[in-house]
Amino acid sequence: MERGDTQQELPSWYQDTRKKGISVAGNALFTILRLADLPLQYYLLSSGLGLRAVRKLGGTTISSPVTSPATAIGLSPYHTLVFGLAVGSATKQIYWCLGVADNKFDPGFSTMVAVYNTVLNTLNTLLSLWAISSNRPAFADTWGELFTSNSTVVFGAALYGLGLWTEWWCEVQRKRFKQNPANKGKLCTEGLFGLARNINYGGYTLWRAGYSIVCAGLPWGVGMFAFLAGDFAGRAIPYLETYLAKKYGEHWRQVKKEVPYKLFPYVY
C-alpha cells in the first residue's frame, strides 16, 4: 500500500456503515424522517412559526409577506422555491436510500443523516425569513420577476440543480456498473466517477451550496461550500479511501492513477 493509505485507523462505526445488505428498519426510519422534514419546512414558512422563531432569536424578519402573493401552495414565489428545494433534496435522498444504496443503513446512522439534513434545511428556511440574510427580491410578485430581479437566486437554483443531478446520476451509473457481473470486485471509474473518485460528495456540496445561496445569498452559500468541501476532504474522503485501499489493494492504486481527482474534476 502507498504511504497515505494506512495512516488512518477506521473507527468501528464507520466499518459498520460499509457492510453490504439492507436494513429494513433503517431504510424505513430514514424515509419517514426525510418525509417529515417537508411538513416541518412548510409549517415554518406558512404558519408564521418561522418568523416568530427569528424574532425570538433577536432577529428582524423580512417585511414582505411570506404568503403573499400566493402560489398554488399558499406561499410567495420565492418561498415556494425555498420549500421546493427541501422537496427536491428529500426526493433524491429517499430515492437513493430505497433504490440505489447497497450498504446497510442501520437505524442509528440513518437517523443521524436524516436529522443532519433537516437541521441544514431548517437553518436555510429561517435565514430566508431573516431580514439581514434573506435573498428574497424586494419586488418579486411573479415567477418571472423572481428570476429576473435577483441573479443570485438564479445562480443558486442552477447550482442546486447541477449538484442534485450530479449526485443522483453518478449513483445511478455506479449502481448499473455494479450490477454487471463482469465488474465484480471492481470500483466504478465510468461515467461521472471517471471525473472524480468521490464526485457524489462533490454533487452534494454543490447542491447544498446552491440551496444556501437561494435562501441567504452568496456569503452563506460560500460558507456552506467551504464547510462541506473541507469536511469531505478532511474527514469523509480519508475514511473512505483508507477503507478502499485496505479492501482493494493494487486495484485501488490503479484507480487513483486513472482518476486523480478526489472531489471536483480538474480542481481537487
C-alpha atoms as a PDB file:
ATOM      1  CA  MET A   1       0.000   0.000   0.000  1.00  0.00           C
ATOM      2  CA  GLU A   2       1.004   3.597  -0.522  1.00  0.00           C
ATOM      3  CA  ARG A   3       2.034   5.543   2.498  1.00  0.00           C
ATOM      4  CA  GLY A   4      -1.125   7.642   2.846  1.00  0.00           C
ATOM      5  CA  ASP A   5      -3.382   4.605   2.604  1.00  0.00           C
ATOM      6  CA  THR A   6      -2.665   3.120   6.056  1.00  0.00           C
ATOM      7  CA  GLN A   7      -2.100   6.158   8.227  1.00  0.00           C
ATOM      8  CA  GLN A   8      -5.664   6.387   9.499  1.00  0.00           C
ATOM      9  CA  GLU A   9      -7.375   3.796  11.648  1.00  0.00           C
ATOM     10  CA  LEU A  10     -11.014   3.370  10.820  1.00  0.00           C
ATOM     11  CA  PRO A  11     -13.482   3.620  13.713  1.00  0.00           C
ATOM     12  CA  SER A  12     -15.771   0.638  14.191  1.00  0.00           C
ATOM     13  CA  TRP A  13     -18.899   2.679  13.435  1.00  0.00           C
ATOM     14  CA  TYR A  14     -17.510   3.576  10.010  1.00  0.00           C
ATOM     15  CA  GLN A  15     -16.709  -0.008   9.157  1.00  0.00           C
ATOM     16  CA  ASP A  16     -20.262  -0.931  10.125  1.00  0.00           C
ATOM     17  CA  THR A  17     -21.597   1.522   7.515  1.00  0.00           C
ATOM     18  CA  ARG A  18     -19.695  -0.307   4.775  1.00  0.00           C
ATOM     19  CA  LYS A  19     -21.441  -3.634   5.361  1.00  0.00           C
ATOM     20  CA  LYS A  20     -23.492  -4.803   2.411  1.00  0.00           C
ATOM     21  CA  GLY A  21     -27.155  -5.606   2.783  1.00  0.00           C
ATOM     22  CA  ILE A  22     -30.463  -3.970   3.623  1.00  0.00           C
ATOM     23  CA  SER A  23     -31.693  -2.719   6.975  1.00  0.00           C
ATOM     24  CA  VAL A  24     -35.479  -2.533   6.679  1.00  0.00           C
ATOM     25  CA  ALA A  25     -35.743  -0.601   9.929  1.00  0.00           C
ATOM     26  CA  GLY A  26     -33.004   1.839   8.961  1.00  0.00           C
ATOM     27  CA  ASN A  27     -34.391   2.479   5.494  1.00  0.00           C
ATOM     28  CA  ALA A  28     -37.917   2.921   6.828  1.00  0.00           C
ATOM     29  CA  LEU A  29     -36.777   5.306   9.544  1.00  0.00           C
ATOM     30  CA  PHE A  30     -34.724   7.377   7.113  1.00  0.00           C
ATOM     31  CA  THR A  31     -37.647   7.610   4.691  1.00  0.00           C
ATOM     32  CA  ILE A  32     -40.078   8.647   7.425  1.00  0.00           C
ATOM     33  CA  LEU A  33     -37.721  11.267   8.829  1.00  0.00           C
ATOM     34  CA  ARG A  34     -36.925  12.769   5.433  1.00  0.00           C
ATOM     35  CA  LEU A  35     -40.635  12.904   4.578  1.00  0.00           C
ATOM     36  CA  ALA A  36     -41.343  14.505   7.961  1.00  0.00           C
ATOM     37  CA  ASP A  37     -38.962  17.322   7.072  1.00  0.00           C
ATOM     38  CA  LEU A  38     -41.347  18.587   4.395  1.00  0.00           C
ATOM     39  CA  PRO A  39     -44.355  19.470   6.567  1.00  0.00           C
ATOM     40  CA  LEU A  40     -41.903  20.966   9.068  1.00  0.00           C
ATOM     41  CA  GLN A  41     -40.375  23.306   6.485  1.00  0.00           C
ATOM     42  CA  TYR A  42     -43.797  24.181   5.087  1.00  0.00           C
ATOM     43  CA  TYR A  43     -45.204  24.902   8.532  1.00  0.00           C
ATOM     44  CA  LEU A  44     -42.238  27.125   9.406  1.00  0.00           C
ATOM     45  CA  LEU A  45     -42.935  29.149   6.266  1.00  0.00           C
ATOM     46  CA  SER A  46     -46.723  29.202   6.124  1.00  0.00           C
ATOM     47  CA  SER A  47     -47.822  29.435   9.748  1.00  0.00           C
ATOM     48  CA  GLY A  48     -45.652  32.296  10.929  1.00  0.00           C
ATOM     49  CA  LEU A  49     -43.717  29.977  13.264  1.00  0.00           C
ATOM     50  CA  GLY A  50     -40.505  30.623  11.358  1.00  0.00           C
ATOM     51  CA  LEU A  51     -40.987  34.385  11.622  1.00  0.00           C
ATOM     52  CA  ARG A  52     -41.643  34.112  15.330  1.00  0.00           C
ATOM     53  CA  ALA A  53     -38.566  31.950  15.777  1.00  0.00           C
ATOM     54  CA  VAL A  54     -36.376  34.533  14.045  1.00  0.00           C
ATOM     55  CA  ARG A  55     -37.777  37.301  16.259  1.00  0.00           C
ATOM     56  CA  LYS A  56     -37.351  35.111  19.349  1.00  0.00           C
ATOM     57  CA  LEU A  57     -33.682  34.747  18.437  1.00  0.00           C
ATOM     58  CA  GLY A  58     -33.365  38.526  18.295  1.00  0.00           C
ATOM     59  CA  GLY A  59     -33.566  38.970  14.530  1.00  0.00           C
ATOM     60  CA  THR A  60     -35.674  41.271  12.391  1.00  0.00           C
ATOM     61  CA  THR A  61     -37.905  39.457   9.945  1.00  0.00           C
ATOM     62  CA  ILE A  62     -38.492  40.295   6.302  1.00  0.00           C
ATOM     63  CA  SER A  63     -41.142  42.917   5.636  1.00  0.00           C
ATOM     64  CA  SER A  64     -42.728  41.226   2.609  1.00  0.00           C
ATOM     65  CA  PRO A  65     -45.445  38.691   3.482  1.00  0.00           C
ATOM     66  CA  VAL A  66     -44.333  35.086   3.153  1.00  0.00           C
ATOM     67  CA  THR A  67     -47.761  34.016   1.917  1.00  0.00           C
ATOM     68  CA  SER A  68     -48.448  36.871  -0.486  1.00  0.00           C
ATOM     69  CA  PRO A  69     -48.786  36.917  -3.416  1.00  0.00           C
ATOM     70  CA  ALA A  70     -49.685  33.282  -3.034  1.00  0.00           C
ATOM     71  CA  THR A  71     -48.829  30.434  -5.389  1.00  0.00           C
ATOM     72  CA  ALA A  72     -50.823  27.218  -5.530  1.00  0.00           C
ATOM     73  CA  ILE A  73     -49.334  26.072  -2.213  1.00  0.00           C
ATOM     74  CA  GLY A  74     -50.084  29.343  -0.433  1.00  0.00           C
ATOM     75  CA  LEU A  75     -46.580  30.812  -0.374  1.00  0.00           C
ATOM     76  CA  SER A  76     -44.924  33.613  -2.302  1.00  0.00           C
ATOM     77  CA  PRO A  77     -42.946  32.527  -5.387  1.00  0.00           C
ATOM     78  CA  TYR A  78     -39.651  32.973  -3.525  1.00  0.00           C
ATOM     79  CA  HIS A  79     -40.664  30.921  -0.513  1.00  0.00           C
ATOM     80  CA  THR A  80     -42.324  28.353  -2.748  1.00  0.00           C
ATOM     81  CA  LEU A  81     -38.880  27.949  -4.313  1.00  0.00           C
ATOM     82  CA  VAL A  82     -37.296  27.622  -0.863  1.00  0.00           C
ATOM     83  CA  PHE A  83     -39.789  24.886   0.020  1.00  0.00           C
ATOM     84  CA  GLY A  84     -39.208  23.248  -3.360  1.00  0.00           C
ATOM     85  CA  LEU A  85     -35.518  22.875  -2.560  1.00  0.00           C
ATOM     86  CA  ALA A  86     -36.450  20.872   0.527  1.00  0.00           C
ATOM     87  CA  VAL A  87     -38.783  18.706  -1.560  1.00  0.00           C
ATOM     88  CA  GLY A  88     -36.085  18.034  -4.145  1.00  0.00           C
ATOM     89  CA  SER A  89     -33.493  17.089  -1.557  1.00  0.00           C
ATOM     90  CA  ALA A  90     -35.850  14.709   0.253  1.00  0.00           C
ATOM     91  CA  THR A  91     -36.959  13.087  -3.013  1.00  0.00           C
ATOM     92  CA  LYS A  92     -33.399  12.491  -4.139  1.00  0.00           C
ATOM     93  CA  GLN A  93     -32.251  11.094  -0.804  1.00  0.00           C
ATOM     94  CA  ILE A  94     -35.230   8.789  -0.392  1.00  0.00           C
ATOM     95  CA  TYR A  95     -34.690   7.501  -3.931  1.00  0.00           C
ATOM     96  CA  TRP A  96     -31.044   6.826  -3.063  1.00  0.00           C
ATOM     97  CA  CYS A  97     -31.990   5.019   0.146  1.00  0.00           C
ATOM     98  CA  LEU A  98     -34.664   2.779  -1.371  1.00  0.00           C
ATOM     99  CA  GLY A  99     -33.446   2.349  -4.930  1.00  0.00           C
ATOM    100  CA  VAL A 100     -29.679   2.760  -5.083  1.00  0.00           C
ATOM    101  CA  ALA A 101     -27.839   2.191  -1.797  1.00  0.00           C
ATOM    102  CA  ASP A 102     -26.485  -1.302  -1.188  1.00  0.00           C
ATOM    103  CA  ASN A 103     -24.877  -0.735   2.222  1.00  0.00           C
ATOM    104  CA  LYS A 104     -26.747  -1.442   5.460  1.00  0.00           C
ATOM    105  CA  PHE A 105     -28.312   1.806   6.615  1.00  0.00           C
ATOM    106  CA  ASP A 106     -28.810   0.981  10.277  1.00  0.00           C
ATOM    107  CA  PRO A 107     -31.360   2.971  12.336  1.00  0.00           C
ATOM    108  CA  GLY A 108     -28.821   4.955  14.359  1.00  0.00           C
ATOM    109  CA  PHE A 109     -26.832   6.091  11.336  1.00  0.00           C
ATOM    110  CA  SER A 110     -29.921   6.732   9.212  1.00  0.00           C
ATOM    111  CA  THR A 111     -31.372   8.910  11.976  1.00  0.00           C
ATOM    112  CA  MET A 112     -28.154  10.925  12.213  1.00  0.00           C
ATOM    113  CA  VAL A 113     -28.066  11.550   8.448  1.00  0.00           C
ATOM    114  CA  ALA A 114     -31.749  12.495   8.289  1.00  0.00           C
ATOM    115  CA  VAL A 115     -31.554  14.862  11.267  1.00  0.00           C
ATOM    116  CA  TYR A 116     -28.398  16.472   9.878  1.00  0.00           C
ATOM    117  CA  ASN A 117     -30.198  17.306   6.642  1.00  0.00           C
ATOM    118  CA  THR A 118     -33.282  18.575   8.481  1.00  0.00           C
ATOM    119  CA  VAL A 119     -31.109  20.872  10.610  1.00  0.00           C
ATOM    120  CA  LEU A 120     -29.478  22.345   7.496  1.00  0.00           C
ATOM    121  CA  ASN A 121     -32.853  22.770   5.781  1.00  0.00           C
ATOM    122  CA  THR A 122     -34.346  24.439   8.851  1.00  0.00           C
ATOM    123  CA  LEU A 123     -31.413  26.803   9.142  1.00  0.00           C
ATOM    124  CA  ASN A 124     -31.851  27.783   5.490  1.00  0.00           C
ATOM    125  CA  THR A 125     -35.583  28.301   5.976  1.00  0.00           C
ATOM    126  CA  LEU A 126     -35.018  30.626   8.928  1.00  0.00           C
ATOM    127  CA  LEU A 127     -32.292  32.539   7.086  1.00  0.00           C
ATOM    128  CA  SER A 128     -34.748  33.098   4.223  1.00  0.00           C
ATOM    129  CA  LEU A 129     -37.003  34.835   6.764  1.00  0.00           C
ATOM    130  CA  TRP A 130     -34.343  36.951   8.466  1.00  0.00           C
ATOM    131  CA  ALA A 131     -34.209  40.466   7.028  1.00  0.00           C
ATOM    132  CA  ILE A 132     -30.409  40.638   7.109  1.00  0.00           C
ATOM    133  CA  SER A 133     -29.795  37.382   5.269  1.00  0.00           C
ATOM    134  CA  SER A 134     -32.906  36.673   3.165  1.00  0.00           C
ATOM    135  CA  ASN A 135     -32.271  36.567  -0.554  1.00  0.00           C
ATOM    136  CA  ARG A 136     -35.895  37.391  -1.405  1.00  0.00           C
ATOM    137  CA  PRO A 137     -36.017  40.165  -4.016  1.00  0.00           C
ATOM    138  CA  ALA A 138     -37.768  43.361  -2.956  1.00  0.00           C
ATOM    139  CA  PHE A 139     -40.214  43.097  -5.857  1.00  0.00           C
ATOM    140  CA  ALA A 140     -40.941  39.533  -6.950  1.00  0.00           C
ATOM    141  CA  ASP A 141     -44.684  39.039  -7.168  1.00  0.00           C
ATOM    142  CA  THR A 142     -44.417  36.537 -10.027  1.00  0.00           C
ATOM    143  CA  TRP A 143     -42.076  33.736 -11.028  1.00  0.00           C
ATOM    144  CA  GLY A 144     -40.767  35.852 -13.878  1.00  0.00           C
ATOM    145  CA  GLU A 145     -39.921  38.732 -11.559  1.00  0.00           C
ATOM    146  CA  LEU A 146     -38.270  36.348  -9.112  1.00  0.00           C
ATOM    147  CA  PHE A 147     -35.829  35.045 -11.694  1.00  0.00           C
ATOM    148  CA  THR A 148     -35.148  38.396 -13.376  1.00  0.00           C
ATOM    149  CA  SER A 149     -34.741  40.624 -10.330  1.00  0.00           C
ATOM    150  CA  ASN A 150     -32.094  38.668  -8.430  1.00  0.00           C
ATOM    151  CA  SER A 151     -29.266  36.954 -10.288  1.00  0.00           C
ATOM    152  CA  THR A 152     -28.022  35.163  -7.170  1.00  0.00           C
ATOM    153  CA  VAL A 153     -31.352  33.343  -6.861  1.00  0.00           C
ATOM    154  CA  VAL A 154     -30.922  32.143 -10.440  1.00  0.00           C
ATOM    155  CA  PHE A 155     -27.310  31.133  -9.784  1.00  0.00           C
ATOM    156  CA  GLY A 156     -28.216  29.334  -6.555  1.00  0.00           C
ATOM    157  CA  ALA A 157     -31.094  27.454  -8.175  1.00  0.00           C
ATOM    158  CA  ALA A 158     -28.880  26.425 -11.112  1.00  0.00           C
ATOM    159  CA  LEU A 159     -26.102  25.260  -8.772  1.00  0.00           C
ATOM    160  CA  TYR A 160     -28.650  23.326  -6.737  1.00  0.00           C
ATOM    161  CA  GLY A 161     -29.978  21.633  -9.875  1.00  0.00           C
ATOM    162  CA  LEU A 162     -26.486  20.777 -11.136  1.00  0.00           C
ATOM    163  CA  GLY A 163     -25.410  19.360  -7.796  1.00  0.00           C
ATOM    164  CA  LEU A 164     -28.560  17.325  -7.227  1.00  0.00           C
ATOM    165  CA  TRP A 165     -28.392  15.899 -10.738  1.00  0.00           C
ATOM    166  CA  THR A 166     -24.685  15.078 -10.343  1.00  0.00           C
ATOM    167  CA  GLU A 167     -25.183  13.256  -7.056  1.00  0.00           C
ATOM    168  CA  TRP A 168     -28.206  11.360  -8.382  1.00  0.00           C
ATOM    169  CA  TRP A 169     -26.834  10.391 -11.784  1.00  0.00           C
ATOM    170  CA  CYS A 170     -23.382   9.279 -10.631  1.00  0.00           C
ATOM    171  CA  GLU A 171     -25.029   6.967  -8.091  1.00  0.00           C
ATOM    172  CA  VAL A 172     -27.302   5.509 -10.777  1.00  0.00           C
ATOM    173  CA  GLN A 173     -24.270   4.945 -13.012  1.00  0.00           C
ATOM    174  CA  ARG A 174     -22.376   3.211 -10.212  1.00  0.00           C
ATOM    175  CA  LYS A 175     -25.373   1.001  -9.439  1.00  0.00           C
ATOM    176  CA  ARG A 176     -25.544  -0.123 -13.069  1.00  0.00           C
ATOM    177  CA  PHE A 177     -21.788  -0.740 -13.091  1.00  0.00           C
ATOM    178  CA  LYS A 178     -22.006  -2.962 -10.020  1.00  0.00           C
ATOM    179  CA  GLN A 179     -24.924  -4.925 -11.443  1.00  0.00           C
ATOM    180  CA  ASN A 180     -22.756  -6.078 -14.369  1.00  0.00           C
ATOM    181  CA  PRO A 181     -21.195  -9.447 -13.390  1.00  0.00           C
ATOM    182  CA  ALA A 182     -18.087  -8.558 -15.401  1.00  0.00           C
ATOM    183  CA  ASN A 183     -17.359  -5.761 -12.927  1.00  0.00           C
ATOM    184  CA  LYS A 184     -17.430  -7.896  -9.783  1.00  0.00           C
ATOM    185  CA  GLY A 185     -14.690  -6.830  -7.390  1.00  0.00           C
ATOM    186  CA  LYS A 186     -14.016  -3.599  -9.287  1.00  0.00           C
ATOM    187  CA  LEU A 187     -14.510   0.040  -8.379  1.00  0.00           C
ATOM    188  CA  CYS A 188     -16.540   2.192 -10.754  1.00  0.00           C
ATOM    189  CA  THR A 189     -14.432   4.548 -12.859  1.00  0.00           C
ATOM    190  CA  GLU A 190     -17.017   5.026 -15.583  1.00  0.00           C
ATOM    191  CA  GLY A 191     -19.311   7.967 -16.256  1.00  0.00           C
ATOM    192  CA  LEU A 192     -19.120  10.745 -13.687  1.00  0.00           C
ATOM    193  CA  PHE A 193     -16.953   8.608 -11.431  1.00  0.00           C
ATOM    194  CA  GLY A 194     -14.364   8.791 -14.185  1.00  0.00           C
ATOM    195  CA  LEU A 195     -14.079  12.521 -13.476  1.00  0.00           C
ATOM    196  CA  ALA A 196     -13.582  12.401  -9.702  1.00  0.00           C
ATOM    197  CA  ARG A 197     -13.378   9.438  -7.323  1.00  0.00           C
ATOM    198  CA  ASN A 198     -15.912  10.918  -4.894  1.00  0.00           C
ATOM    199  CA  ILE A 199     -17.964  13.026  -7.251  1.00  0.00           C
ATOM    200  CA  ASN A 200     -21.123  12.088  -5.335  1.00  0.00           C
ATOM    201  CA  TYR A 201     -19.723  14.098  -2.405  1.00  0.00           C
ATOM    202  CA  GLY A 202     -18.950  16.902  -4.832  1.00  0.00           C
ATOM    203  CA  GLY A 203     -22.536  16.885  -6.065  1.00  0.00           C
ATOM    204  CA  TYR A 204     -23.849  17.077  -2.502  1.00  0.00           C
ATOM    205  CA  THR A 205     -21.539  20.010  -1.787  1.00  0.00           C
ATOM    206  CA  LEU A 206     -22.792  21.874  -4.861  1.00  0.00           C
ATOM    207  CA  TRP A 207     -26.493  21.455  -4.224  1.00  0.00           C
ATOM    208  CA  ARG A 208     -26.149  22.326  -0.573  1.00  0.00           C
ATOM    209  CA  ALA A 209     -24.259  25.489  -1.523  1.00  0.00           C
ATOM    210  CA  GLY A 210     -26.914  26.348  -4.121  1.00  0.00           C
ATOM    211  CA  TYR A 211     -29.692  25.790  -1.569  1.00  0.00           C
ATOM    212  CA  SER A 212     -27.914  28.168   0.813  1.00  0.00           C
ATOM    213  CA  ILE A 213     -27.419  30.822  -1.874  1.00  0.00           C
ATOM    214  CA  VAL A 214     -31.121  30.839  -2.730  1.00  0.00           C
ATOM    215  CA  CYS A 215     -32.040  31.243   0.934  1.00  0.00           C
ATOM    216  CA  ALA A 216     -29.380  33.627   2.189  1.00  0.00           C
ATOM    217  CA  GLY A 217     -27.172  34.856  -0.645  1.00  0.00           C
ATOM    218  CA  LEU A 218     -23.594  34.282  -1.739  1.00  0.00           C
ATOM    219  CA  PRO A 219     -21.810  34.725   1.620  1.00  0.00           C
ATOM    220  CA  TRP A 220     -23.823  31.935   3.249  1.00  0.00           C
ATOM    221  CA  GLY A 221     -23.524  29.782   0.143  1.00  0.00           C
ATOM    222  CA  VAL A 222     -19.747  30.196   0.014  1.00  0.00           C
ATOM    223  CA  GLY A 223     -19.560  29.412   3.724  1.00  0.00           C
ATOM    224  CA  MET A 224     -21.604  26.226   3.267  1.00  0.00           C
ATOM    225  CA  PHE A 225     -19.476  25.204   0.292  1.00  0.00           C
ATOM    226  CA  ALA A 226     -16.261  25.718   2.288  1.00  0.00           C
ATOM    227  CA  PHE A 227     -17.626  23.823   5.300  1.00  0.00           C
ATOM    228  CA  LEU A 228     -18.782  20.797   3.305  1.00  0.00           C
ATOM    229  CA  ALA A 229     -15.773  20.645   0.982  1.00  0.00           C
ATOM    230  CA  GLY A 230     -13.473  20.905   3.993  1.00  0.00           C
ATOM    231  CA  ASP A 231     -15.369  18.202   5.882  1.00  0.00           C
ATOM    232  CA  PHE A 232     -15.311  15.834   2.915  1.00  0.00           C
ATOM    233  CA  ALA A 233     -11.631  16.494   2.191  1.00  0.00           C
ATOM    234  CA  GLY A 234     -10.523  16.269   5.810  1.00  0.00           C
ATOM    235  CA  ARG A 235     -12.768  13.516   7.177  1.00  0.00           C
ATOM    236  CA  ALA A 236     -15.111  11.604   4.865  1.00  0.00           C
ATOM    237  CA  ILE A 237     -12.752  11.043   1.941  1.00  0.00           C
ATOM    238  CA  PRO A 238      -9.768   9.947   4.081  1.00  0.00           C
ATOM    239  CA  TYR A 239     -12.028   7.452   5.881  1.00  0.00           C
ATOM    240  CA  LEU A 240     -13.434   6.093   2.638  1.00  0.00           C
ATOM    241  CA  GLU A 241     -10.133   5.912   0.798  1.00  0.00           C
ATOM    242  CA  THR A 242      -8.401   4.195   3.708  1.00  0.00           C
ATOM    243  CA  TYR A 243     -11.155   1.601   3.614  1.00  0.00           C
ATOM    244  CA  LEU A 244     -10.861   1.193  -0.162  1.00  0.00           C
ATOM    245  CA  ALA A 245      -7.080   0.899  -0.022  1.00  0.00           C
ATOM    246  CA  LYS A 246      -7.296  -1.912   2.511  1.00  0.00           C
ATOM    247  CA  LYS A 247     -10.038  -3.723   0.609  1.00  0.00           C
ATOM    248  CA  TYR A 248      -8.875  -3.362  -2.990  1.00  0.00           C
ATOM    249  CA  GLY A 249      -5.087  -3.049  -2.714  1.00  0.00           C
ATOM    250  CA  GLU A 250      -3.459  -2.891  -6.142  1.00  0.00           C
ATOM    251  CA  HIS A 251      -6.765  -2.218  -7.897  1.00  0.00           C
ATOM    252  CA  TRP A 252      -7.226   0.863  -5.702  1.00  0.00           C
ATOM    253  CA  ARG A 253      -3.788   2.194  -6.645  1.00  0.00           C
ATOM    254  CA  GLN A 254      -4.700   1.763 -10.302  1.00  0.00           C
ATOM    255  CA  VAL A 255      -7.987   3.628  -9.757  1.00  0.00           C
ATOM    256  CA  LYS A 256      -6.089   6.546  -8.191  1.00  0.00           C
ATOM    257  CA  LYS A 257      -3.864   6.766 -11.247  1.00  0.00           C
ATOM    258  CA  GLU A 258      -6.808   6.523 -13.631  1.00  0.00           C
ATOM    259  CA  VAL A 259      -8.908   9.080 -11.742  1.00  0.00           C
ATOM    260  CA  PRO A 260      -6.555  11.522  -9.976  1.00  0.00           C
ATOM    261  CA  TYR A 261      -9.179  13.961  -8.691  1.00  0.00           C
ATOM    262  CA  LYS A 262     -10.895  13.286  -5.367  1.00  0.00           C
ATOM    263  CA  LEU A 263     -13.902  15.619  -5.173  1.00  0.00           C
ATOM    264  CA  PHE A 264     -14.198  18.014  -8.117  1.00  0.00           C
ATOM    265  CA  PRO A 265     -12.897  17.320 -11.643  1.00  0.00           C
ATOM    266  CA  TYR A 266      -9.743  19.267 -12.549  1.00  0.00           C
ATOM    267  CA  VAL A 267      -9.820  21.057  -9.161  1.00  0.00           C
ATOM    268  CA  TYR A 268      -9.208  18.609  -6.294  1.00  0.00           C
END
